[in-house]
Amino acid sequence: MKSSLRSGQLIKWKDDQGFGFIKPIDNTHEIFLHITEVRDATRRPIVGDTIYYRTSEQNGKVHASDAFILGARLSANSQHSSATPKNAVQGRSRTSSLLLETSLITVFPLIGAIHFGLTTNNSIPLFLYLTISIVSFTLYSDDKSRAQQKAWRIPEQTLILCDLAGGWIGGFIAQRKLRHKVSKSSYQFAFWLVVMMHHIVWLGWLISGKNLMG
C-alpha cells in the first residue's frame, strides 16, 4: 500500500553519486532520495528544491519514492507529446556517440589483435578482448546495481584487473552507458593507464612483431 504524498526541502545532494536527503516539512527525520526515484523531471535535483514524495521501506530503512521536483515536473501532455520523442532523440544521439567513441579507442588494438592472429595463427588475444569485455561489462553493471541498493560493492581492483586482462573495451562501454565510475578521477586515471598499456603493446607488435617472428 502506497503512503500519502509528502513534501520537504532537499538539503543535501551529491549529483555525481545521484543521491541526497530531504528534510520533511514537519521537521521529522531526513529522508534518503535516490535519483532513480525522481519522476518526470525536466532537470536534475539541486539543494533547496521542494520535493514531493511518498515513502517506502527497504532493508529496514525508509526512503523516498515516486518523487518529483516542484516547478520542474513535466506536464501530463508533455510527457506523451514532447518528452518521449525528445528522450528518444537524446537516446539515439547518446548511442551514436558511444559507438563512435568506442570505435575510435578500439580500432588500433583490434587491428593489432587481428594482425597477431593472422601472423601467428593464434587468436587468443582477440578472443580475450571479446569474452572478457562481456565479463567486464557484467561486473560494472552489477557494481552499479549494488551501489544503488547500498549493498556490498565489487572492489575497484577487481574491475581494473578485469580490464587489464582484456576487458577494458567492455569496461569503457559500461562506464559510458551506465554512467558508472566516470566521475571518480583516481579510477579514471587507473583505467586509462590500462587502455594506454594495451595500445603500447599493440604498437610494439605492429612495429617489431613481424621481425621477432622472423
N, C-alpha and C. Protein backbone atom coordinates (compact mmCIF):
# COMPACT_ATOMS: atom_id res chain seq x y z
N MET A 1 0.84 -1.20 0.00
CA MET A 1 0.00 0.00 0.00
C MET A 1 0.88 1.26 0.00
N LYS A 2 0.61 2.18 -0.91
CA LYS A 2 1.42 3.38 -1.00
C LYS A 2 1.09 4.35 0.12
N SER A 3 2.13 5.07 0.59
CA SER A 3 1.92 6.07 1.63
C SER A 3 1.35 7.33 1.00
N SER A 4 0.89 8.25 1.84
CA SER A 4 0.35 9.51 1.33
C SER A 4 1.48 10.39 0.80
N LEU A 5 1.12 11.34 -0.04
CA LEU A 5 2.10 12.24 -0.64
C LEU A 5 2.59 13.22 0.42
N ARG A 6 3.90 13.37 0.50
CA ARG A 6 4.51 14.27 1.46
C ARG A 6 5.40 15.28 0.72
N SER A 7 5.88 16.27 1.46
CA SER A 7 6.78 17.24 0.84
C SER A 7 7.88 17.61 1.81
N GLY A 8 8.95 18.15 1.26
CA GLY A 8 10.08 18.58 2.07
C GLY A 8 11.09 19.30 1.20
N GLN A 9 12.15 19.78 1.82
CA GLN A 9 13.18 20.51 1.09
C GLN A 9 14.43 19.64 0.96
N LEU A 10 15.01 19.65 -0.24
CA LEU A 10 16.25 18.91 -0.47
C LEU A 10 17.39 19.69 0.16
N ILE A 11 17.97 19.16 1.22
CA ILE A 11 19.02 19.89 1.95
C ILE A 11 20.42 19.38 1.63
N LYS A 12 20.52 18.18 1.05
CA LYS A 12 21.82 17.64 0.66
C LYS A 12 21.64 16.93 -0.68
N TRP A 13 22.61 17.13 -1.57
CA TRP A 13 22.53 16.43 -2.87
C TRP A 13 23.93 16.23 -3.45
N LYS A 14 24.28 14.97 -3.71
CA LYS A 14 25.55 14.62 -4.36
C LYS A 14 25.23 14.18 -5.78
N ASP A 15 25.35 15.13 -6.70
CA ASP A 15 24.90 14.86 -8.07
C ASP A 15 25.74 13.80 -8.75
N ASP A 16 27.06 13.75 -8.44
CA ASP A 16 27.91 12.75 -9.10
C ASP A 16 27.57 11.33 -8.66
N GLN A 17 26.97 11.21 -7.48
CA GLN A 17 26.58 9.88 -6.97
C GLN A 17 25.08 9.64 -7.07
N GLY A 18 24.33 10.70 -7.38
CA GLY A 18 22.91 10.53 -7.62
C GLY A 18 22.04 10.31 -6.40
N PHE A 19 22.41 10.90 -5.27
CA PHE A 19 21.53 10.76 -4.10
C PHE A 19 21.66 11.97 -3.19
N GLY A 20 20.69 12.10 -2.29
CA GLY A 20 20.71 13.18 -1.32
C GLY A 20 19.68 12.94 -0.22
N PHE A 21 19.38 13.99 0.53
CA PHE A 21 18.46 13.84 1.66
C PHE A 21 17.44 14.99 1.69
N ILE A 22 16.20 14.62 2.01
CA ILE A 22 15.10 15.57 2.10
C ILE A 22 14.80 15.84 3.57
N LYS A 23 14.60 17.11 3.91
CA LYS A 23 14.13 17.48 5.24
C LYS A 23 12.63 17.66 5.15
N PRO A 24 11.84 16.75 5.74
CA PRO A 24 10.38 16.84 5.64
C PRO A 24 9.85 18.16 6.21
N ILE A 25 8.72 18.57 5.70
CA ILE A 25 8.12 19.83 6.12
C ILE A 25 7.73 19.81 7.60
N ASP A 26 7.50 18.61 8.14
CA ASP A 26 7.12 18.51 9.55
C ASP A 26 8.33 18.34 10.47
N ASN A 27 9.55 18.54 9.89
CA ASN A 27 10.81 18.50 10.65
C ASN A 27 11.10 17.15 11.29
N THR A 28 10.57 16.08 10.70
CA THR A 28 10.93 14.74 11.19
C THR A 28 12.28 14.36 10.58
N HIS A 29 12.66 13.09 10.73
CA HIS A 29 13.98 12.64 10.29
C HIS A 29 14.17 12.83 8.78
N GLU A 30 15.42 13.10 8.40
CA GLU A 30 15.76 13.26 6.98
C GLU A 30 15.44 11.97 6.21
N ILE A 31 15.00 12.15 4.97
CA ILE A 31 14.61 11.03 4.13
C ILE A 31 15.59 10.88 2.96
N PHE A 32 16.10 9.69 2.77
CA PHE A 32 17.04 9.41 1.67
C PHE A 32 16.31 9.44 0.33
N LEU A 33 16.93 10.08 -0.66
CA LEU A 33 16.37 10.16 -2.01
C LEU A 33 17.42 9.76 -3.03
N HIS A 34 17.08 8.80 -3.91
CA HIS A 34 17.98 8.40 -5.00
C HIS A 34 17.42 8.93 -6.31
N ILE A 35 18.30 9.26 -7.22
CA ILE A 35 17.90 9.87 -8.49
C ILE A 35 16.92 8.99 -9.26
N THR A 36 17.01 7.67 -9.08
CA THR A 36 16.11 6.76 -9.81
C THR A 36 14.67 6.88 -9.35
N GLU A 37 14.44 7.54 -8.20
CA GLU A 37 13.08 7.70 -7.69
C GLU A 37 12.48 9.05 -8.08
N VAL A 38 13.24 9.88 -8.79
CA VAL A 38 12.73 11.18 -9.23
C VAL A 38 12.03 10.99 -10.57
N ARG A 39 10.75 11.27 -10.62
CA ARG A 39 9.93 11.01 -11.81
C ARG A 39 9.70 12.28 -12.64
N ASP A 40 9.70 12.11 -13.95
CA ASP A 40 9.24 13.13 -14.90
C ASP A 40 9.87 14.50 -14.64
N ALA A 41 11.16 14.54 -14.35
CA ALA A 41 11.82 15.81 -14.06
C ALA A 41 12.39 16.44 -15.33
N THR A 42 12.33 17.76 -15.41
CA THR A 42 12.91 18.48 -16.54
C THR A 42 14.39 18.77 -16.31
N ARG A 43 14.87 18.51 -15.10
CA ARG A 43 16.28 18.70 -14.76
C ARG A 43 16.61 17.83 -13.55
N ARG A 44 17.87 17.80 -13.19
CA ARG A 44 18.29 17.05 -12.01
C ARG A 44 18.05 17.88 -10.74
N PRO A 45 17.90 17.22 -9.60
CA PRO A 45 17.63 17.96 -8.36
C PRO A 45 18.81 18.83 -7.96
N ILE A 46 18.52 19.91 -7.23
CA ILE A 46 19.55 20.76 -6.64
C ILE A 46 19.11 21.10 -5.22
N VAL A 47 20.10 21.40 -4.38
CA VAL A 47 19.79 21.75 -2.99
C VAL A 47 18.85 22.95 -2.95
N GLY A 48 17.83 22.85 -2.11
CA GLY A 48 16.84 23.91 -2.00
C GLY A 48 15.53 23.59 -2.68
N ASP A 49 15.54 22.58 -3.54
CA ASP A 49 14.31 22.18 -4.23
C ASP A 49 13.26 21.69 -3.23
N THR A 50 12.00 21.99 -3.54
CA THR A 50 10.89 21.38 -2.81
C THR A 50 10.56 20.07 -3.50
N ILE A 51 10.61 18.98 -2.76
CA ILE A 51 10.38 17.65 -3.30
C ILE A 51 9.09 17.07 -2.75
N TYR A 52 8.24 16.60 -3.62
CA TYR A 52 7.06 15.85 -3.21
C TYR A 52 7.38 14.37 -3.40
N TYR A 53 6.98 13.56 -2.43
CA TYR A 53 7.39 12.15 -2.47
C TYR A 53 6.46 11.30 -1.61
N ARG A 54 6.57 10.01 -1.85
CA ARG A 54 5.97 9.03 -0.97
C ARG A 54 7.10 8.29 -0.29
N THR A 55 6.82 7.55 0.75
CA THR A 55 7.87 6.82 1.43
C THR A 55 7.64 5.31 1.30
N SER A 56 8.74 4.61 1.27
CA SER A 56 8.70 3.15 1.28
C SER A 56 9.87 2.65 2.10
N GLU A 57 9.81 1.40 2.48
CA GLU A 57 10.84 0.83 3.34
C GLU A 57 11.63 -0.22 2.57
N GLN A 58 12.96 -0.15 2.68
CA GLN A 58 13.84 -1.09 2.01
C GLN A 58 14.98 -1.43 2.95
N ASN A 59 15.13 -2.72 3.21
CA ASN A 59 16.16 -3.19 4.13
C ASN A 59 16.06 -2.51 5.50
N GLY A 60 14.84 -2.28 5.91
CA GLY A 60 14.62 -1.70 7.22
C GLY A 60 14.81 -0.20 7.29
N LYS A 61 15.06 0.45 6.14
CA LYS A 61 15.28 1.89 6.12
C LYS A 61 14.22 2.57 5.26
N VAL A 62 13.77 3.73 5.72
CA VAL A 62 12.75 4.49 5.00
C VAL A 62 13.43 5.39 3.98
N HIS A 63 12.93 5.39 2.77
CA HIS A 63 13.47 6.28 1.74
C HIS A 63 12.34 6.81 0.88
N ALA A 64 12.63 7.86 0.13
CA ALA A 64 11.63 8.50 -0.73
C ALA A 64 11.43 7.70 -2.00
N SER A 65 10.20 7.67 -2.48
CA SER A 65 9.89 7.00 -3.75
C SER A 65 8.84 7.83 -4.49
N ASP A 66 8.72 7.58 -5.80
CA ASP A 66 7.75 8.31 -6.63
C ASP A 66 7.84 9.81 -6.39
N ALA A 67 9.06 10.33 -6.39
CA ALA A 67 9.27 11.74 -6.06
C ALA A 67 9.24 12.62 -7.31
N PHE A 68 8.89 13.90 -7.12
CA PHE A 68 9.00 14.86 -8.20
C PHE A 68 9.39 16.22 -7.63
N ILE A 69 10.00 17.04 -8.49
CA ILE A 69 10.52 18.34 -8.08
C ILE A 69 9.46 19.41 -8.38
N LEU A 70 9.10 20.18 -7.37
CA LEU A 70 8.13 21.24 -7.57
C LEU A 70 8.69 22.27 -8.57
N GLY A 71 7.92 22.56 -9.61
CA GLY A 71 8.34 23.53 -10.61
C GLY A 71 9.24 22.97 -11.68
N ALA A 72 9.57 21.68 -11.60
CA ALA A 72 10.45 21.06 -12.61
C ALA A 72 9.91 19.70 -12.99
N ARG A 73 8.59 19.64 -13.12
CA ARG A 73 7.95 18.37 -13.46
C ARG A 73 7.24 18.51 -14.80
N LEU A 74 7.40 17.50 -15.64
CA LEU A 74 6.72 17.51 -16.93
C LEU A 74 5.22 17.43 -16.74
N SER A 75 4.48 18.15 -17.56
CA SER A 75 3.03 18.05 -17.51
C SER A 75 2.59 16.75 -18.13
N ALA A 76 1.37 16.36 -17.87
CA ALA A 76 0.86 15.09 -18.39
C ALA A 76 0.91 15.06 -19.91
N ASN A 77 0.58 16.22 -20.55
CA ASN A 77 0.57 16.27 -22.01
C ASN A 77 1.97 16.20 -22.58
N SER A 78 2.91 16.94 -21.94
CA SER A 78 4.25 16.97 -22.48
C SER A 78 4.95 15.64 -22.32
N GLN A 79 4.54 14.86 -21.31
CA GLN A 79 5.15 13.54 -21.14
C GLN A 79 4.92 12.69 -22.37
N HIS A 80 3.75 12.82 -22.98
CA HIS A 80 3.40 11.98 -24.13
C HIS A 80 3.77 12.64 -25.46
N SER A 81 3.57 13.97 -25.55
CA SER A 81 3.74 14.63 -26.84
C SER A 81 5.17 15.07 -27.12
N SER A 82 5.88 15.57 -26.08
CA SER A 82 7.20 16.12 -26.35
C SER A 82 8.32 15.40 -25.63
N ALA A 83 8.07 14.93 -24.41
CA ALA A 83 9.15 14.34 -23.63
C ALA A 83 9.62 13.03 -24.25
N THR A 84 8.68 12.20 -24.64
CA THR A 84 9.08 10.90 -25.17
C THR A 84 9.88 11.01 -26.46
N PRO A 85 9.43 11.80 -27.47
CA PRO A 85 10.26 11.97 -28.67
C PRO A 85 11.62 12.58 -28.35
N LYS A 86 11.66 13.56 -27.45
CA LYS A 86 12.92 14.19 -27.09
C LYS A 86 13.85 13.18 -26.45
N ASN A 87 13.33 12.37 -25.54
CA ASN A 87 14.15 11.35 -24.90
C ASN A 87 14.65 10.33 -25.92
N ALA A 88 13.78 10.02 -26.89
CA ALA A 88 14.17 9.06 -27.92
C ALA A 88 15.32 9.61 -28.76
N VAL A 89 15.22 10.90 -29.13
CA VAL A 89 16.28 11.54 -29.91
C VAL A 89 17.57 11.58 -29.12
N GLN A 90 17.46 11.97 -27.84
CA GLN A 90 18.64 12.01 -26.99
C GLN A 90 19.26 10.63 -26.83
N GLY A 91 18.39 9.62 -26.72
CA GLY A 91 18.88 8.25 -26.59
C GLY A 91 19.65 7.81 -27.82
N ARG A 92 19.11 8.14 -29.00
CA ARG A 92 19.80 7.78 -30.25
C ARG A 92 21.11 8.53 -30.37
N SER A 93 21.11 9.79 -29.95
CA SER A 93 22.34 10.59 -30.01
C SER A 93 23.42 10.02 -29.11
N ARG A 94 23.02 9.61 -27.89
CA ARG A 94 23.99 9.03 -26.96
C ARG A 94 24.52 7.72 -27.50
N THR A 95 23.65 6.92 -28.12
CA THR A 95 24.08 5.64 -28.67
C THR A 95 25.08 5.85 -29.80
N SER A 96 24.79 6.82 -30.68
CA SER A 96 25.69 7.11 -31.79
C SER A 96 27.04 7.60 -31.28
N SER A 97 26.99 8.47 -30.26
CA SER A 97 28.22 8.99 -29.68
C SER A 97 29.05 7.88 -29.05
N LEU A 98 28.36 6.96 -28.36
CA LEU A 98 29.06 5.84 -27.72
C LEU A 98 29.71 4.94 -28.76
N LEU A 99 29.00 4.67 -29.85
CA LEU A 99 29.55 3.83 -30.91
C LEU A 99 30.78 4.47 -31.53
N LEU A 100 30.73 5.78 -31.75
CA LEU A 100 31.86 6.49 -32.33
C LEU A 100 33.07 6.46 -31.39
N GLU A 101 32.83 6.78 -30.12
CA GLU A 101 33.92 6.78 -29.14
C GLU A 101 34.55 5.40 -29.02
N THR A 102 33.69 4.37 -28.96
CA THR A 102 34.20 3.00 -28.82
C THR A 102 35.02 2.61 -30.05
N SER A 103 34.56 2.99 -31.22
CA SER A 103 35.28 2.67 -32.46
C SER A 103 36.66 3.33 -32.47
N LEU A 104 36.72 4.58 -32.03
CA LEU A 104 37.97 5.33 -32.07
C LEU A 104 39.03 4.75 -31.14
N ILE A 105 38.62 4.32 -29.94
CA ILE A 105 39.64 3.84 -29.00
C ILE A 105 39.94 2.35 -29.15
N THR A 106 39.13 1.62 -29.91
CA THR A 106 39.36 0.17 -30.04
C THR A 106 39.93 -0.23 -31.38
N VAL A 107 39.86 0.64 -32.39
CA VAL A 107 40.26 0.24 -33.73
C VAL A 107 41.73 -0.20 -33.78
N PHE A 108 42.61 0.54 -33.12
CA PHE A 108 44.04 0.20 -33.17
C PHE A 108 44.35 -1.12 -32.46
N PRO A 109 43.89 -1.34 -31.21
CA PRO A 109 44.15 -2.63 -30.56
C PRO A 109 43.51 -3.81 -31.30
N LEU A 110 42.32 -3.62 -31.86
CA LEU A 110 41.67 -4.71 -32.57
C LEU A 110 42.43 -5.05 -33.87
N ILE A 111 42.93 -4.02 -34.54
CA ILE A 111 43.76 -4.28 -35.72
C ILE A 111 45.01 -5.06 -35.32
N GLY A 112 45.60 -4.67 -34.19
CA GLY A 112 46.78 -5.38 -33.70
C GLY A 112 46.48 -6.83 -33.37
N ALA A 113 45.34 -7.06 -32.69
CA ALA A 113 44.96 -8.43 -32.32
C ALA A 113 44.66 -9.28 -33.55
N ILE A 114 44.01 -8.68 -34.55
CA ILE A 114 43.71 -9.42 -35.79
C ILE A 114 45.00 -9.73 -36.54
N HIS A 115 45.89 -8.75 -36.61
CA HIS A 115 47.19 -8.96 -37.28
C HIS A 115 47.98 -10.05 -36.58
N PHE A 116 47.95 -10.05 -35.24
CA PHE A 116 48.65 -11.08 -34.46
C PHE A 116 48.09 -12.46 -34.79
N GLY A 117 46.74 -12.54 -34.87
CA GLY A 117 46.12 -13.82 -35.17
C GLY A 117 46.48 -14.33 -36.56
N LEU A 118 46.50 -13.43 -37.54
CA LEU A 118 46.84 -13.83 -38.91
C LEU A 118 48.31 -14.20 -39.05
N THR A 119 49.17 -13.54 -38.28
CA THR A 119 50.62 -13.78 -38.38
C THR A 119 51.04 -15.03 -37.64
N THR A 120 50.42 -15.28 -36.49
CA THR A 120 50.86 -16.38 -35.63
C THR A 120 49.88 -17.55 -35.58
N ASN A 121 48.74 -17.40 -36.25
CA ASN A 121 47.67 -18.40 -36.15
C ASN A 121 47.21 -18.59 -34.70
N ASN A 122 47.28 -17.52 -33.93
CA ASN A 122 46.89 -17.54 -32.52
C ASN A 122 45.88 -16.42 -32.30
N SER A 123 44.63 -16.78 -32.12
CA SER A 123 43.56 -15.78 -31.97
C SER A 123 43.17 -15.54 -30.52
N ILE A 124 44.02 -15.99 -29.60
CA ILE A 124 43.68 -15.84 -28.18
C ILE A 124 43.49 -14.38 -27.78
N PRO A 125 44.39 -13.44 -28.17
CA PRO A 125 44.17 -12.03 -27.76
C PRO A 125 42.82 -11.48 -28.22
N LEU A 126 42.46 -11.77 -29.47
CA LEU A 126 41.17 -11.29 -29.98
C LEU A 126 40.02 -11.95 -29.24
N PHE A 127 40.16 -13.24 -28.94
CA PHE A 127 39.13 -13.96 -28.19
C PHE A 127 38.97 -13.38 -26.79
N LEU A 128 40.11 -13.04 -26.16
CA LEU A 128 40.06 -12.46 -24.81
C LEU A 128 39.37 -11.10 -24.82
N TYR A 129 39.67 -10.29 -25.83
CA TYR A 129 39.02 -8.99 -25.92
C TYR A 129 37.50 -9.14 -25.97
N LEU A 130 37.04 -10.10 -26.75
CA LEU A 130 35.60 -10.27 -26.93
C LEU A 130 34.93 -10.86 -25.68
N THR A 131 35.54 -11.90 -25.12
CA THR A 131 34.90 -12.60 -24.00
C THR A 131 35.05 -11.86 -22.67
N ILE A 132 36.26 -11.38 -22.38
CA ILE A 132 36.47 -10.72 -21.08
C ILE A 132 35.78 -9.35 -21.06
N SER A 133 35.60 -8.75 -22.23
CA SER A 133 34.84 -7.49 -22.26
C SER A 133 33.40 -7.71 -21.82
N ILE A 134 32.85 -8.85 -22.17
CA ILE A 134 31.49 -9.19 -21.72
C ILE A 134 31.47 -9.35 -20.21
N VAL A 135 32.50 -10.03 -19.68
CA VAL A 135 32.62 -10.22 -18.23
C VAL A 135 32.76 -8.87 -17.54
N SER A 136 33.60 -8.00 -18.11
CA SER A 136 33.83 -6.68 -17.52
C SER A 136 32.54 -5.86 -17.50
N PHE A 137 31.82 -5.84 -18.61
CA PHE A 137 30.55 -5.09 -18.67
C PHE A 137 29.59 -5.60 -17.60
N THR A 138 29.53 -6.92 -17.44
CA THR A 138 28.64 -7.53 -16.44
C THR A 138 29.03 -7.10 -15.03
N LEU A 139 30.34 -7.05 -14.75
CA LEU A 139 30.81 -6.65 -13.42
C LEU A 139 30.47 -5.19 -13.14
N TYR A 140 30.68 -4.33 -14.12
CA TYR A 140 30.34 -2.91 -13.94
C TYR A 140 28.84 -2.75 -13.68
N SER A 141 28.04 -3.48 -14.45
CA SER A 141 26.59 -3.39 -14.29
C SER A 141 26.17 -3.86 -12.91
N ASP A 142 26.78 -4.96 -12.45
CA ASP A 142 26.46 -5.49 -11.13
C ASP A 142 26.87 -4.50 -10.05
N ASP A 143 28.05 -3.89 -10.20
CA ASP A 143 28.53 -2.93 -9.21
C ASP A 143 27.63 -1.70 -9.17
N LYS A 144 27.16 -1.25 -10.34
CA LYS A 144 26.24 -0.12 -10.40
C LYS A 144 24.95 -0.44 -9.64
N SER A 145 24.43 -1.66 -9.85
CA SER A 145 23.21 -2.08 -9.17
C SER A 145 23.43 -2.13 -7.66
N ARG A 146 24.58 -2.65 -7.25
CA ARG A 146 24.87 -2.72 -5.81
C ARG A 146 24.99 -1.33 -5.21
N ALA A 147 25.57 -0.40 -5.95
CA ALA A 147 25.70 0.97 -5.45
C ALA A 147 24.33 1.59 -5.21
N GLN A 148 23.41 1.35 -6.13
CA GLN A 148 22.07 1.90 -5.99
C GLN A 148 21.32 1.29 -4.82
N GLN A 149 21.63 0.04 -4.51
CA GLN A 149 20.95 -0.66 -3.42
C GLN A 149 21.71 -0.54 -2.10
N LYS A 150 22.83 0.20 -2.12
CA LYS A 150 23.66 0.35 -0.92
C LYS A 150 24.14 -1.00 -0.40
N ALA A 151 24.45 -1.91 -1.34
CA ALA A 151 24.91 -3.24 -0.98
C ALA A 151 26.44 -3.29 -1.05
N TRP A 152 27.00 -4.46 -0.69
CA TRP A 152 28.44 -4.65 -0.71
C TRP A 152 28.95 -4.52 -2.14
N ARG A 153 29.96 -3.66 -2.35
CA ARG A 153 30.44 -3.34 -3.69
C ARG A 153 31.52 -4.30 -4.19
N ILE A 154 31.66 -4.34 -5.50
CA ILE A 154 32.76 -5.07 -6.11
C ILE A 154 34.01 -4.21 -5.99
N PRO A 155 35.12 -4.76 -5.48
CA PRO A 155 36.34 -3.95 -5.31
C PRO A 155 36.80 -3.34 -6.63
N GLU A 156 37.28 -2.11 -6.56
CA GLU A 156 37.75 -1.45 -7.77
C GLU A 156 38.93 -2.19 -8.39
N GLN A 157 39.75 -2.82 -7.53
CA GLN A 157 40.89 -3.58 -8.06
C GLN A 157 40.43 -4.71 -8.96
N THR A 158 39.28 -5.31 -8.63
CA THR A 158 38.74 -6.40 -9.45
C THR A 158 38.34 -5.89 -10.82
N LEU A 159 37.70 -4.73 -10.85
CA LEU A 159 37.28 -4.15 -12.13
C LEU A 159 38.49 -3.79 -12.99
N ILE A 160 39.51 -3.18 -12.37
CA ILE A 160 40.70 -2.78 -13.12
C ILE A 160 41.46 -4.00 -13.62
N LEU A 161 41.59 -5.05 -12.80
CA LEU A 161 42.28 -6.26 -13.22
C LEU A 161 41.56 -6.94 -14.39
N CYS A 162 40.25 -6.90 -14.34
CA CYS A 162 39.46 -7.47 -15.43
C CYS A 162 39.70 -6.67 -16.72
N ASP A 163 39.76 -5.35 -16.59
CA ASP A 163 40.06 -4.51 -17.75
C ASP A 163 41.47 -4.79 -18.27
N LEU A 164 42.41 -4.94 -17.36
CA LEU A 164 43.79 -5.22 -17.74
C LEU A 164 43.91 -6.54 -18.48
N ALA A 165 43.10 -7.52 -18.08
CA ALA A 165 43.15 -8.85 -18.71
C ALA A 165 42.53 -8.86 -20.11
N GLY A 166 41.99 -7.72 -20.54
CA GLY A 166 41.42 -7.65 -21.88
C GLY A 166 39.99 -7.15 -21.91
N GLY A 167 39.43 -6.86 -20.74
CA GLY A 167 38.02 -6.46 -20.70
C GLY A 167 37.79 -4.97 -20.74
N TRP A 168 38.84 -4.19 -21.05
CA TRP A 168 38.70 -2.73 -20.98
C TRP A 168 37.71 -2.18 -22.00
N ILE A 169 37.50 -2.88 -23.10
CA ILE A 169 36.51 -2.40 -24.08
C ILE A 169 35.11 -2.47 -23.46
N GLY A 170 34.80 -3.60 -22.84
CA GLY A 170 33.51 -3.73 -22.16
C GLY A 170 33.41 -2.77 -21.00
N GLY A 171 34.55 -2.52 -20.31
CA GLY A 171 34.56 -1.57 -19.21
C GLY A 171 34.26 -0.16 -19.68
N PHE A 172 34.84 0.22 -20.81
CA PHE A 172 34.60 1.55 -21.36
C PHE A 172 33.13 1.73 -21.74
N ILE A 173 32.57 0.74 -22.42
CA ILE A 173 31.17 0.81 -22.82
C ILE A 173 30.26 0.91 -21.59
N ALA A 174 30.57 0.11 -20.56
CA ALA A 174 29.75 0.11 -19.34
C ALA A 174 29.82 1.47 -18.65
N GLN A 175 31.02 2.05 -18.57
CA GLN A 175 31.17 3.36 -17.92
C GLN A 175 30.32 4.42 -18.61
N ARG A 176 30.36 4.43 -19.94
CA ARG A 176 29.63 5.45 -20.68
C ARG A 176 28.11 5.17 -20.68
N LYS A 177 27.74 3.94 -20.87
CA LYS A 177 26.32 3.60 -20.97
C LYS A 177 25.61 3.69 -19.62
N LEU A 178 26.29 3.23 -18.56
CA LEU A 178 25.68 3.19 -17.24
C LEU A 178 26.01 4.41 -16.39
N ARG A 179 26.89 5.28 -16.90
CA ARG A 179 27.35 6.43 -16.13
C ARG A 179 27.92 5.98 -14.79
N HIS A 180 28.84 5.04 -14.85
CA HIS A 180 29.40 4.44 -13.64
C HIS A 180 30.91 4.63 -13.63
N LYS A 181 31.43 5.15 -12.54
CA LYS A 181 32.86 5.38 -12.31
C LYS A 181 33.43 6.55 -13.13
N VAL A 182 32.60 7.23 -13.90
CA VAL A 182 33.12 8.26 -14.79
C VAL A 182 33.52 9.54 -14.05
N SER A 183 33.00 9.76 -12.86
CA SER A 183 33.28 10.99 -12.13
C SER A 183 34.37 10.83 -11.08
N LYS A 184 34.91 9.62 -10.95
CA LYS A 184 35.96 9.37 -9.96
C LYS A 184 37.31 9.46 -10.66
N SER A 185 38.04 10.55 -10.43
CA SER A 185 39.27 10.82 -11.17
C SER A 185 40.34 9.78 -10.94
N SER A 186 40.49 9.29 -9.70
CA SER A 186 41.53 8.29 -9.42
C SER A 186 41.26 6.99 -10.18
N TYR A 187 39.97 6.62 -10.29
CA TYR A 187 39.64 5.41 -11.03
C TYR A 187 39.86 5.62 -12.51
N GLN A 188 39.47 6.78 -13.03
CA GLN A 188 39.66 7.07 -14.44
C GLN A 188 41.14 7.07 -14.81
N PHE A 189 41.98 7.54 -13.92
CA PHE A 189 43.43 7.52 -14.17
C PHE A 189 43.92 6.09 -14.33
N ALA A 190 43.50 5.20 -13.42
CA ALA A 190 43.92 3.80 -13.49
C ALA A 190 43.37 3.12 -14.74
N PHE A 191 42.11 3.44 -15.06
CA PHE A 191 41.50 2.81 -16.24
C PHE A 191 42.20 3.22 -17.53
N TRP A 192 42.45 4.51 -17.70
CA TRP A 192 43.09 4.98 -18.94
C TRP A 192 44.55 4.57 -19.01
N LEU A 193 45.16 4.33 -17.85
CA LEU A 193 46.51 3.77 -17.85
C LEU A 193 46.49 2.36 -18.44
N VAL A 194 45.46 1.59 -18.10
CA VAL A 194 45.29 0.25 -18.67
C VAL A 194 45.08 0.33 -20.18
N VAL A 195 44.23 1.24 -20.62
CA VAL A 195 43.98 1.41 -22.05
C VAL A 195 45.27 1.78 -22.79
N MET A 196 46.04 2.68 -22.20
CA MET A 196 47.30 3.11 -22.83
C MET A 196 48.28 1.95 -22.93
N MET A 197 48.34 1.12 -21.88
CA MET A 197 49.23 -0.05 -21.90
C MET A 197 48.88 -0.99 -23.04
N HIS A 198 47.59 -1.22 -23.27
CA HIS A 198 47.18 -2.09 -24.38
C HIS A 198 47.56 -1.49 -25.73
N HIS A 199 47.43 -0.18 -25.86
CA HIS A 199 47.82 0.47 -27.11
C HIS A 199 49.33 0.37 -27.34
N ILE A 200 50.10 0.55 -26.28
CA ILE A 200 51.56 0.47 -26.41
C ILE A 200 51.99 -0.93 -26.81
N VAL A 201 51.37 -1.95 -26.20
CA VAL A 201 51.71 -3.34 -26.54
C VAL A 201 51.46 -3.61 -28.02
N TRP A 202 50.31 -3.19 -28.52
CA TRP A 202 49.99 -3.46 -29.93
C TRP A 202 50.81 -2.59 -30.87
N LEU A 203 51.18 -1.41 -30.44
CA LEU A 203 52.08 -0.58 -31.24
C LEU A 203 53.43 -1.28 -31.38
N GLY A 204 53.92 -1.81 -30.25
CA GLY A 204 55.18 -2.55 -30.30
C GLY A 204 55.10 -3.76 -31.20
N TRP A 205 53.98 -4.45 -31.16
CA TRP A 205 53.82 -5.64 -32.02
C TRP A 205 53.82 -5.26 -33.49
N LEU A 206 53.05 -4.25 -33.84
CA LEU A 206 52.95 -3.86 -35.23
C LEU A 206 54.26 -3.32 -35.80
N ILE A 207 55.07 -2.72 -34.92
CA ILE A 207 56.36 -2.18 -35.37
C ILE A 207 57.42 -3.26 -35.49
N SER A 208 57.48 -4.13 -34.47
CA SER A 208 58.59 -5.10 -34.45
C SER A 208 58.17 -6.55 -34.39
N GLY A 209 56.87 -6.81 -34.28
CA GLY A 209 56.43 -8.19 -34.12
C GLY A 209 56.79 -9.09 -35.28
N LYS A 210 56.66 -8.58 -36.48
CA LYS A 210 56.94 -9.38 -37.65
C LYS A 210 58.42 -9.76 -37.70
N ASN A 211 59.27 -8.82 -37.31
CA ASN A 211 60.72 -9.13 -37.29
C ASN A 211 61.04 -10.16 -36.22
N LEU A 212 60.33 -10.06 -35.09
CA LEU A 212 60.54 -11.01 -34.00
C LEU A 212 60.14 -12.41 -34.42
N MET A 213 59.03 -12.49 -35.17
CA MET A 213 58.58 -13.79 -35.63
C MET A 213 59.55 -14.39 -36.66
N GLY A 214 60.19 -13.50 -37.43
CA GLY A 214 61.15 -13.99 -38.42
C GLY A 214 62.44 -14.41 -37.78
